[in-house]
């Protein structure tokens, strides 16, 4: 079994530093490309959604006003919400 010497410690530290800077360098190259691809996909989805919604907007002539309103629904109250309990404050 080898004894943990000063040379082995330096070699381990050197390997850790080299791995760290290598990963950092690779991340600087890869992350911008991945980010650009993600942004492009989001932009495509947004444009597709806009194109799907646009025929509804084209049916209305410019200057016309339309109001889409859902009918009023009466509110139903739930009277069975619990039991009221009186309390007294203790000083």
PDB file of N, CA and C in Angstrom:
ATOM      1  N   UNK A   1       0.841  -1.176   0.000  1.00  0.00           N
ATOM      2  CA  UNK A   1       0.000   0.000   0.000  1.00  0.00           C
ATOM      3  C   UNK A   1       0.888   1.242   0.000  1.00  0.00           C
ATOM      4  N   UNK A   2       0.539   2.203  -0.887  1.00  0.00           N
ATOM      5  CA  UNK A   2       1.343   3.413  -0.982  1.00  0.00           C
ATOM      6  C   UNK A   2       1.031   4.373   0.149  1.00  0.00           C
ATOM      7  N   UNK A   3       2.041   5.063   0.533  1.00  0.00           N
ATOM      8  CA  UNK A   3       1.866   6.075   1.569  1.00  0.00           C
ATOM      9  C   UNK A   3       1.464   7.377   0.880  1.00  0.00           C
ATOM     10  N   UNK A   4       0.507   8.081   1.471  1.00  0.00           N
ATOM     11  CA  UNK A   4       0.043   9.339   0.895  1.00  0.00           C
ATOM     12  C   UNK A   4       1.138  10.373   1.059  1.00  0.00           C
ATOM     13  N   UNK A   5       1.829  10.663  -0.030  1.00  0.00           N
ATOM     14  CA  UNK A   5       2.929  11.615   0.032  1.00  0.00           C
ATOM     15  C   UNK A   5       2.538  12.953  -0.564  1.00  0.00           C
ATOM     16  N   UNK A   6       3.490  13.839  -0.484  1.00  0.00           N
ATOM     17  CA  UNK A   6       3.282  15.191  -0.982  1.00  0.00           C
ATOM     18  C   UNK A   6       3.081  15.195  -2.495  1.00  0.00           C
ATOM     19  N   UNK A   7       3.806  14.337  -3.219  1.00  0.00           N
ATOM     20  CA  UNK A   7       3.691  14.257  -4.678  1.00  0.00           C
ATOM     21  C   UNK A   7       2.290  13.785  -5.074  1.00  0.00           C
ATOM     22  N   UNK A   8       1.757  12.776  -4.376  1.00  0.00           N
ATOM     23  CA  UNK A   8       0.420  12.270  -4.686  1.00  0.00           C
ATOM     24  C   UNK A   8      -0.648  13.327  -4.401  1.00  0.00           C
ATOM     25  N   UNK A   9      -0.452  14.089  -3.351  1.00  0.00           N
ATOM     26  CA  UNK A   9      -1.389  15.165  -3.032  1.00  0.00           C
ATOM     27  C   UNK A   9      -1.391  16.222  -4.132  1.00  0.00           C
ATOM     28  N   UNK A  10      -0.198  16.634  -4.583  1.00  0.00           N
ATOM     29  CA  UNK A  10      -0.101  17.615  -5.659  1.00  0.00           C
ATOM     30  C   UNK A  10      -0.715  17.079  -6.952  1.00  0.00           C
ATOM     31  N   UNK A  11      -0.473  15.795  -7.246  1.00  0.00           N
ATOM     32  CA  UNK A  11      -1.027  15.205  -8.458  1.00  0.00           C
ATOM     33  C   UNK A  11      -2.558  15.192  -8.401  1.00  0.00           C
ATOM     34  N   UNK A  12      -3.131  14.861  -7.257  1.00  0.00           N
ATOM     35  CA  UNK A  12      -4.581  14.843  -7.096  1.00  0.00           C
ATOM     36  C   UNK A  12      -5.162  16.245  -7.258  1.00  0.00           C
ATOM     37  N   UNK A  13      -4.533  17.225  -6.649  1.00  0.00           N
ATOM     38  CA  UNK A  13      -4.991  18.609  -6.772  1.00  0.00           C
ATOM     39  C   UNK A  13      -4.890  19.067  -8.225  1.00  0.00           C
ATOM     40  N   UNK A  14      -3.812  18.703  -8.915  1.00  0.00           N
ATOM     41  CA  UNK A  14      -3.633  19.075 -10.313  1.00  0.00           C
ATOM     42  C   UNK A  14      -4.723  18.444 -11.184  1.00  0.00           C
ATOM     43  N   UNK A  15      -5.056  17.199 -10.948  1.00  0.00           N
ATOM     44  CA  UNK A  15      -6.102  16.522 -11.718  1.00  0.00           C
ATOM     45  C   UNK A  15      -7.446  17.201 -11.494  1.00  0.00           C
ATOM     46  N   UNK A  16      -7.750  17.546 -10.252  1.00  0.00           N
ATOM     47  CA  UNK A  16      -9.016  18.212  -9.939  1.00  0.00           C
ATOM     48  C   UNK A  16      -9.095  19.567 -10.639  1.00  0.00           C
ATOM     49  N   UNK A  17      -8.026  20.324 -10.609  1.00  0.00           N
ATOM     50  CA  UNK A  17      -7.999  21.646 -11.248  1.00  0.00           C
ATOM     51  C   UNK A  17      -8.145  21.509 -12.764  1.00  0.00           C
ATOM     52  N   UNK A  18      -7.435  20.542 -13.365  1.00  0.00           N
ATOM     53  CA  UNK A  18      -7.538  20.343 -14.809  1.00  0.00           C
ATOM     54  C   UNK A  18      -8.950  19.932 -15.221  1.00  0.00           C
ATOM     55  N   UNK A  19      -9.582  19.048 -14.471  1.00  0.00           N
ATOM     56  CA  UNK A  19     -10.944  18.629 -14.772  1.00  0.00           C
ATOM     57  C   UNK A  19     -11.888  19.821 -14.649  1.00  0.00           C
ATOM     58  N   UNK A  20     -11.721  20.626 -13.608  1.00  0.00           N
ATOM     59  CA  UNK A  20     -12.575  21.792 -13.397  1.00  0.00           C
ATOM     60  C   UNK A  20     -12.487  22.761 -14.570  1.00  0.00           C
ATOM     61  N   UNK A  21     -11.258  23.119 -14.968  1.00  0.00           N
ATOM     62  CA  UNK A  21     -11.109  24.085 -16.055  1.00  0.00           C
ATOM     63  C   UNK A  21     -11.516  23.502 -17.407  1.00  0.00           C
ATOM     64  N   UNK A  22     -11.337  22.201 -17.604  1.00  0.00           N
ATOM     65  CA  UNK A  22     -11.785  21.573 -18.841  1.00  0.00           C
ATOM     66  C   UNK A  22     -13.302  21.629 -18.942  1.00  0.00           C
ATOM     67  N   UNK A  23     -13.999  21.286 -17.864  1.00  0.00           N
ATOM     68  CA  UNK A  23     -15.461  21.349 -17.863  1.00  0.00           C
ATOM     69  C   UNK A  23     -15.949  22.786 -18.033  1.00  0.00           C
ATOM     70  N   UNK A  24     -15.257  23.721 -17.424  1.00  0.00           N
ATOM     71  CA  UNK A  24     -15.631  25.130 -17.551  1.00  0.00           C
ATOM     72  C   UNK A  24     -15.485  25.597 -19.001  1.00  0.00           C
ATOM     73  N   UNK A  25     -14.408  25.186 -19.664  1.00  0.00           N
ATOM     74  CA  UNK A  25     -14.183  25.555 -21.059  1.00  0.00           C
ATOM     75  C   UNK A  25     -15.239  24.932 -21.964  1.00  0.00           C
ATOM     76  N   UNK A  26     -15.536  23.659 -21.750  1.00  0.00           N
ATOM     77  CA  UNK A  26     -16.545  22.976 -22.558  1.00  0.00           C
ATOM     78  C   UNK A  26     -17.919  23.613 -22.338  1.00  0.00           C
ATOM     79  N   UNK A  27     -18.229  23.989 -21.103  1.00  0.00           N
ATOM     80  CA  UNK A  27     -19.518  24.617 -20.803  1.00  0.00           C
ATOM     81  C   UNK A  27     -19.660  25.944 -21.546  1.00  0.00           C
ATOM     82  N   UNK A  28     -18.568  26.687 -21.676  1.00  0.00           N
ATOM     83  CA  UNK A  28     -18.629  27.957 -22.412  1.00  0.00           C
ATOM     84  C   UNK A  28     -18.919  27.731 -23.889  1.00  0.00           C
ATOM     85  N   UNK A  29     -18.545  26.586 -24.408  1.00  0.00           N
ATOM     86  CA  UNK A  29     -18.811  26.295 -25.815  1.00  0.00           C
ATOM     87  C   UNK A  29     -20.195  25.712 -26.033  1.00  0.00           C
ATOM     88  N   UNK A  30     -20.635  24.833 -25.133  1.00  0.00           N
ATOM     89  CA  UNK A  30     -21.870  24.084 -25.352  1.00  0.00           C
ATOM     90  C   UNK A  30     -23.107  24.840 -24.878  1.00  0.00           C
ATOM     91  N   UNK A  31     -23.077  25.478 -23.723  1.00  0.00           N
ATOM     92  CA  UNK A  31     -24.270  26.118 -23.174  1.00  0.00           C
ATOM     93  C   UNK A  31     -24.860  27.193 -24.082  1.00  0.00           C
ATOM     94  N   UNK A  32     -24.067  28.036 -24.731  1.00  0.00           N
ATOM     95  CA  UNK A  32     -24.686  29.006 -25.647  1.00  0.00           C
ATOM     96  C   UNK A  32     -25.442  28.334 -26.800  1.00  0.00           C
ATOM     97  N   UNK A  33     -24.900  27.231 -27.326  1.00  0.00           N
ATOM     98  CA  UNK A  33     -25.597  26.533 -28.411  1.00  0.00           C
ATOM     99  C   UNK A  33     -26.899  25.927 -27.903  1.00  0.00           C
ATOM    100  N   UNK A  34     -26.882  25.319 -26.729  1.00  0.00           N
ATOM    101  CA  UNK A  34     -28.099  24.744 -26.153  1.00  0.00           C
ATOM    102  C   UNK A  34     -29.123  25.830 -25.861  1.00  0.00           C
ATOM    103  N   UNK A  35     -28.668  26.939 -25.327  1.00  0.00           N
ATOM    104  CA  UNK A  35     -29.555  28.057 -25.006  1.00  0.00           C
ATOM    105  C   UNK A  35     -30.211  28.598 -26.265  1.00  0.00           C
ATOM    106  N   UNK A  36     -29.422  28.729 -27.337  1.00  0.00           N
ATOM    107  CA  UNK A  36     -29.959  29.234 -28.605  1.00  0.00           C
ATOM    108  C   UNK A  36     -30.996  28.269 -29.167  1.00  0.00           C
ATOM    109  N   UNK A  37     -30.745  26.972 -29.039  1.00  0.00           N
ATOM    110  CA  UNK A  37     -31.693  25.974 -29.537  1.00  0.00           C
ATOM    111  C   UNK A  37     -33.005  26.019 -28.750  1.00  0.00           C
ATOM    112  N   UNK A  38     -32.906  26.158 -27.444  1.00  0.00           N
ATOM    113  CA  UNK A  38     -34.106  26.240 -26.603  1.00  0.00           C
ATOM    114  C   UNK A  38     -34.915  27.485 -26.951  1.00  0.00           C
ATOM    115  N   UNK A  39     -34.252  28.604 -27.111  1.00  0.00           N
ATOM    116  CA  UNK A  39     -34.933  29.856 -27.446  1.00  0.00           C
ATOM    117  C   UNK A  39     -35.600  29.737 -28.819  1.00  0.00           C
ATOM    118  N   UNK A  40     -34.943  29.094 -29.769  1.00  0.00           N
ATOM    119  CA  UNK A  40     -35.524  28.910 -31.098  1.00  0.00           C
ATOM    120  C   UNK A  40     -36.782  28.058 -31.023  1.00  0.00           C
ATOM    121  N   UNK A  41     -36.751  26.984 -30.228  1.00  0.00           N
ATOM    122  CA  UNK A  41     -37.930  26.127 -30.074  1.00  0.00           C
ATOM    123  C   UNK A  41     -39.087  26.885 -29.433  1.00  0.00           C
ATOM    124  N   UNK A  42     -38.802  27.686 -28.437  1.00  0.00           N
ATOM    125  CA  UNK A  42     -39.840  28.478 -27.773  1.00  0.00           C
ATOM    126  C   UNK A  42     -40.438  29.479 -28.759  1.00  0.00           C
ATOM    127  N   UNK A  43     -39.587  30.086 -29.567  1.00  0.00           N
ATOM    128  CA  UNK A  43     -40.053  31.053 -30.560  1.00  0.00           C
ATOM    129  C   UNK A  43     -40.951  30.379 -31.599  1.00  0.00           C
ATOM    130  N   UNK A  44     -40.591  29.170 -32.043  1.00  0.00           N
ATOM    131  CA  UNK A  44     -41.421  28.436 -33.005  1.00  0.00           C
ATOM    132  C   UNK A  44     -42.799  28.137 -32.414  1.00  0.00           C
ATOM    133  N   UNK A  45     -42.827  27.660 -31.172  1.00  0.00           N
ATOM    134  CA  UNK A  45     -44.104  27.348 -30.522  1.00  0.00           C
ATOM    135  C   UNK A  45     -44.960  28.601 -30.378  1.00  0.00           C
ATOM    136  N   UNK A  46     -44.335  29.700 -30.026  1.00  0.00           N
ATOM    137  CA  UNK A  46     -45.071  30.956 -29.883  1.00  0.00           C
ATOM    138  C   UNK A  46     -45.661  31.384 -31.220  1.00  0.00           C
ATOM    139  N   UNK A  47     -44.868  31.302 -32.281  1.00  0.00           N
ATOM    140  CA  UNK A  47     -45.359  31.693 -33.604  1.00  0.00           C
ATOM    141  C   UNK A  47     -46.481  30.775 -34.077  1.00  0.00           C
ATOM    142  N   UNK A  48     -46.367  29.474 -33.817  1.00  0.00           N
ATOM    143  CA  UNK A  48     -47.433  28.545 -34.189  1.00  0.00           C
ATOM    144  C   UNK A  48     -48.722  28.879 -33.445  1.00  0.00           C
ATOM    145  N   UNK A  49     -48.596  29.214 -32.186  1.00  0.00           N
ATOM    146  CA  UNK A  49     -49.775  29.567 -31.397  1.00  0.00           C
ATOM    147  C   UNK A  49     -50.403  30.853 -31.932  1.00  0.00           C
ATOM    148  N   UNK A  50     -49.596  31.802 -32.298  1.00  0.00           N
ATOM    149  CA  UNK A  50     -50.112  33.059 -32.844  1.00  0.00           C
ATOM    150  C   UNK A  50     -50.836  32.816 -34.173  1.00  0.00           C
ATOM    151  N   UNK A  51     -50.299  31.929 -35.015  1.00  0.00           N
ATOM    152  CA  UNK A  51     -50.929  31.649 -36.300  1.00  0.00           C
ATOM    153  C   UNK A  51     -52.256  30.921 -36.116  1.00  0.00           C
ATOM    154  N   UNK A  52     -52.362  30.083 -35.084  1.00  0.00           N
ATOM    155  CA  UNK A  52     -53.622  29.390 -34.827  1.00  0.00           C
ATOM    156  C   UNK A  52     -54.688  30.358 -34.356  1.00  0.00           C
ATOM    157  N   UNK A  53     -54.310  31.369 -33.598  1.00  0.00           N
ATOM    158  CA  UNK A  53     -55.282  32.324 -33.058  1.00  0.00           C
ATOM    159  C   UNK A  53     -55.610  33.441 -34.044  1.00  0.00           C
ATOM    160  N   UNK A  54     -54.782  33.696 -35.012  1.00  0.00           N
ATOM    161  CA  UNK A  54     -54.973  34.840 -35.903  1.00  0.00           C
ATOM    162  C   UNK A  54     -56.207  34.753 -36.796  1.00  0.00           C
ATOM    163  N   UNK A  55     -56.683  33.573 -37.295  1.00  0.00           N
ATOM    164  CA  UNK A  55     -57.899  33.579 -38.125  1.00  0.00           C
ATOM    165  C   UNK A  55     -59.116  34.142 -37.388  1.00  0.00           C
ATOM    166  N   UNK A  56     -59.230  33.938 -36.110  1.00  0.00           N
ATOM    167  CA  UNK A  56     -60.336  34.507 -35.344  1.00  0.00           C
ATOM    168  C   UNK A  56     -60.265  36.028 -35.335  1.00  0.00           C
ATOM    169  N   UNK A  57     -59.088  36.566 -35.282  1.00  0.00           N
ATOM    170  CA  UNK A  57     -58.931  38.011 -35.245  1.00  0.00           C
ATOM    171  C   UNK A  57     -59.144  38.636 -36.619  1.00  0.00           C
ATOM    172  N   UNK A  58     -58.866  37.894 -37.705  1.00  0.00           N
ATOM    173  CA  UNK A  58     -59.022  38.435 -39.040  1.00  0.00           C
ATOM    174  C   UNK A  58     -60.490  38.559 -39.429  1.00  0.00           C
ATOM    175  N   UNK A  59     -61.386  37.774 -38.801  1.00  0.00           N
ATOM    176  CA  UNK A  59     -62.804  37.821 -39.135  1.00  0.00           C
ATOM    177  C   UNK A  59     -63.424  39.150 -38.730  1.00  0.00           C
ATOM    178  N   UNK A  60     -62.849  39.813 -37.741  1.00  0.00           N
ATOM    179  CA  UNK A  60     -63.367  41.097 -37.278  1.00  0.00           C
ATOM    180  C   UNK A  60     -62.712  42.198 -38.099  1.00  0.00           C
ATOM    181  N   UNK A  61     -63.542  43.072 -38.653  1.00  0.00           N
ATOM    182  CA  UNK A  61     -63.015  44.177 -39.449  1.00  0.00           C
ATOM    183  C   UNK A  61     -62.386  45.218 -38.535  1.00  0.00           C
ATOM    184  N   UNK A  62     -61.468  45.968 -39.083  1.00  0.00           N
ATOM    185  CA  UNK A  62     -60.797  46.994 -38.309  1.00  0.00           C
ATOM    186  C   UNK A  62     -61.792  48.084 -37.947  1.00  0.00           C
ATOM    187  N   UNK A  63     -61.810  48.480 -36.695  1.00  0.00           N
ATOM    188  CA  UNK A  63     -62.728  49.503 -36.227  1.00  0.00           C
ATOM    189  C   UNK A  63     -63.984  48.935 -35.599  1.00  0.00           C
ATOM    190  N   UNK A  64     -64.251  47.641 -35.811  1.00  0.00           N
ATOM    191  CA  UNK A  64     -65.415  47.001 -35.211  1.00  0.00           C
ATOM    192  C   UNK A  64     -65.099  46.598 -33.785  1.00  0.00           C
ATOM    193  N   UNK A  65     -66.116  46.629 -32.959  1.00  0.00           N
ATOM    194  CA  UNK A  65     -65.938  46.224 -31.573  1.00  0.00           C
ATOM    195  C   UNK A  65     -66.757  44.971 -31.311  1.00  0.00           C
ATOM    196  N   UNK A  66     -66.120  43.967 -30.735  1.00  0.00           N
ATOM    197  CA  UNK A  66     -66.841  42.758 -30.349  1.00  0.00           C
ATOM    198  C   UNK A  66     -66.559  42.482 -28.888  1.00  0.00           C
ATOM    199  N   UNK A  67     -67.578  41.995 -28.213  1.00  0.00           N
ATOM    200  CA  UNK A  67     -67.437  41.679 -26.796  1.00  0.00           C
ATOM    201  C   UNK A  67     -67.831  40.222 -26.603  1.00  0.00           C
ATOM    202  N   UNK A  68     -66.907  39.434 -26.144  1.00  0.00           N
ATOM    203  CA  UNK A  68     -67.183  38.046 -25.820  1.00  0.00           C
ATOM    204  C   UNK A  68     -67.371  37.968 -24.314  1.00  0.00           C
ATOM    205  N   UNK A  69     -68.557  37.581 -23.902  1.00  0.00           N
ATOM    206  CA  UNK A  69     -68.844  37.559 -22.478  1.00  0.00           C
ATOM    207  C   UNK A  69     -69.536  36.244 -22.136  1.00  0.00           C
ATOM    208  N   UNK A  70     -69.091  35.627 -21.088  1.00  0.00           N
ATOM    209  CA  UNK A  70     -69.748  34.393 -20.666  1.00  0.00           C
ATOM    210  C   UNK A  70     -70.982  34.762 -19.837  1.00  0.00           C
ATOM    211  N   UNK A  71     -72.026  33.952 -19.886  1.00  0.00           N
ATOM    212  CA  UNK A  71     -73.239  34.280 -19.134  1.00  0.00           C
ATOM    213  C   UNK A  71     -72.974  34.224 -17.626  1.00  0.00           C
ATOM    214  N   UNK A  72     -73.705  35.097 -16.918  1.00  0.00           N
ATOM    215  CA  UNK A  72     -73.538  35.113 -15.461  1.00  0.00           C
ATOM    216  C   UNK A  72     -74.145  33.858 -14.862  1.00  0.00           C
ATOM    217  N   UNK A  73     -73.390  33.220 -14.008  1.00  0.00           N
ATOM    218  CA  UNK A  73     -73.888  32.037 -13.316  1.00  0.00           C
ATOM    219  C   UNK A  73     -74.162  32.443 -11.872  1.00  0.00           C
ATOM    220  N   UNK A  74     -75.310  32.055 -11.357  1.00  0.00           N
ATOM    221  CA  UNK A  74     -75.584  32.410  -9.962  1.00  0.00           C
ATOM    222  C   UNK A  74     -74.608  31.678  -9.036  1.00  0.00           C
ATOM    223  N   UNK A  75     -74.160  32.391  -8.042  1.00  0.00           N
ATOM    224  CA  UNK A  75     -73.226  31.797  -7.095  1.00  0.00           C
ATOM    225  C   UNK A  75     -73.986  30.902  -6.128  1.00  0.00           C
ATOM    226  N   UNK A  76     -73.481  29.722  -5.942  1.00  0.00           N
ATOM    227  CA  UNK A  76     -74.094  28.797  -5.003  1.00  0.00           C
ATOM    228  C   UNK A  76     -73.292  28.840  -3.705  1.00  0.00           C
ATOM    229  N   UNK A  77     -73.986  29.098  -2.617  1.00  0.00           N
ATOM    230  CA  UNK A  77     -73.278  29.148  -1.341  1.00  0.00           C
ATOM    231  C   UNK A  77     -73.360  27.780  -0.676  1.00  0.00           C
ATOM    232  N   UNK A  78     -72.340  27.469   0.038  1.00  0.00           N
ATOM    233  CA  UNK A  78     -72.288  26.204   0.755  1.00  0.00           C
ATOM    234  C   UNK A  78     -72.592  26.501   2.215  1.00  0.00           C
ATOM    235  N   UNK A  79     -73.812  26.237   2.636  1.00  0.00           N
ATOM    236  CA  UNK A  79     -74.212  26.563   4.002  1.00  0.00           C
ATOM    237  C   UNK A  79     -73.661  25.545   5.001  1.00  0.00           C
ATOM    238  N   UNK A  80     -73.186  24.444   4.536  1.00  0.00           N
ATOM    239  CA  UNK A  80     -72.675  23.405   5.418  1.00  0.00           C
ATOM    240  C   UNK A  80     -71.156  23.545   5.527  1.00  0.00           C
ATOM    241  N   UNK A  81     -70.708  24.673   6.096  1.00  0.00           N
ATOM    242  CA  UNK A  81     -69.276  24.921   6.186  1.00  0.00           C
ATOM    243  C   UNK A  81     -68.714  24.615   7.558  1.00  0.00           C
ATOM    244  N   UNK A  82     -69.548  24.391   8.527  1.00  0.00           N
ATOM    245  CA  UNK A  82     -69.037  24.066   9.848  1.00  0.00           C
ATOM    246  C   UNK A  82     -69.918  24.633  10.936  1.00  0.00           C
ATOM    247  N   UNK A  83     -69.463  24.488  12.148  1.00  0.00           N
ATOM    248  CA  UNK A  83     -70.245  24.899  13.310  1.00  0.00           C
ATOM    249  C   UNK A  83     -69.591  26.128  13.929  1.00  0.00           C
ATOM    250  N   UNK A  84     -70.403  27.113  14.304  1.00  0.00           N
ATOM    251  CA  UNK A  84     -69.888  28.326  14.929  1.00  0.00           C
ATOM    252  C   UNK A  84     -69.734  28.077  16.427  1.00  0.00           C
ATOM    253  N   UNK A  85     -68.582  28.409  16.965  1.00  0.00           N
ATOM    254  CA  UNK A  85     -68.328  28.193  18.392  1.00  0.00           C
ATOM    255  C   UNK A  85     -67.960  29.530  19.018  1.00  0.00           C
ATOM    256  N   UNK A  86     -68.694  29.911  20.071  1.00  0.00           N
ATOM    257  CA  UNK A  86     -68.360  31.114  20.818  1.00  0.00           C
ATOM    258  C   UNK A  86     -67.123  30.835  21.665  1.00  0.00           C
ATOM    259  N   UNK A  87     -66.380  31.878  21.930  1.00  0.00           N
ATOM    260  CA  UNK A  87     -65.227  31.714  22.806  1.00  0.00           C
ATOM    261  C   UNK A  87     -65.105  32.948  23.679  1.00  0.00           C
ATOM    262  N   UNK A  88     -64.464  32.779  24.778  1.00  0.00           N
ATOM    263  CA  UNK A  88     -64.214  33.884  25.687  1.00  0.00           C
ATOM    264  C   UNK A  88     -62.724  34.098  25.797  1.00  0.00           C
ATOM    265  N   UNK A  89     -62.347  35.362  25.845  1.00  0.00           N
ATOM    266  CA  UNK A  89     -60.929  35.671  25.997  1.00  0.00           C
ATOM    267  C   UNK A  89     -60.555  35.551  27.456  1.00  0.00           C
ATOM    268  N   UNK A  90     -59.439  34.900  27.731  1.00  0.00           N
ATOM    269  CA  UNK A  90     -58.957  34.732  29.094  1.00  0.00           C
ATOM    270  C   UNK A  90     -57.800  35.679  29.292  1.00  0.00           C
ATOM    271  N   UNK A  91     -57.899  36.492  30.358  1.00  0.00           N
ATOM    272  CA  UNK A  91     -56.825  37.455  30.625  1.00  0.00           C
ATOM    273  C   UNK A  91     -55.803  36.883  31.541  1.00  0.00           C
TER     274      UNK A  91
END
